[in-house]
Amino acid sequence: MNYYFDARCVNFEVDFYQNFKLPQYILQQISAFKKDIKILDIGFGPAHFLKAFKDLGYQNVFGVDIDENAVKNAIAKGFDVKLITDLKEYLQNDNNEKFDFIIMSHLIEHLKKEEVIPILKLIYENKLNGNGKLFIATPNAQSLIGSYWRYEDWTHETIFTSGSLYYVLYMTGFRNIKFLDIYGLSYSKKFLNPVRFLFFKAYEFYLKIRNKIFCNIYHKPNPVILTYEIKCIAKK
């Protein structure tokens, strides 16, 4: 039995996500799909994505998790979920059902480093439809609190920058990779977004000047994302 749900979700995350709604950057990614698309949430935790999709009328929503209590909680709420003991085994040996939209929200950082590319490759080959999309959200090592998120959760194996996340997705076979909501405007009310955006741009300018002075460099092809979370969509 996995105890992650008891340790992390019961005290605050279930209540925190009780009124969770799909953010605009997700709605934009699924707007071209019909409501009968097949959706898979890998490592659904407090089941907030499952609920949000169901609330919008999506019926073919399925989830898998290794935590027995997370699965019990989701089943009690009427969701179609499955308890698995090993993600790689599930992706290799489960039925041939493929999905149009797959969610990995705050899961990839829990995988051992040597498992990341093989697991993403199995998702790419075995679970994702040809025109399907994979959504990944994960803590951002480049943010001001990146170190906190690396070590706050004892079960984190590593965390990513935009560059390292792009790297593992590219090595998996994905060629259409897009980073979403890089200024974190989905976190604030709309009337505050212009102010928030200006602060981000000012801080980016400060970093450029500071890095020139101290001869620090970034890999230029990869976007500098400063929010606590990296979010991206990958397509074949």
Foldseek 3Di string as FASTA:
>chain_A
DDCCLVVPPPPPPLVVLVPPADFPQVCVVCVVPDLAFAEEEEACRSVSVVVNSVVVPRDNYEYEHQDPVSVVNCVVVPHHYDHDNDLLCCLVPPDQEAGQEYEHEAPLQLDAPVCNLVSLLSCVPRHHDQNHKYKYKHFACLAPCNVVRCPVDVSGNGGYHQVVVVVSNVSSPFDDKDWPPLLVLSVDDPVCSVVSVVVVVVVVVVVVVVCVVVVHDDDPVGDRRHDRMIMMMTHD
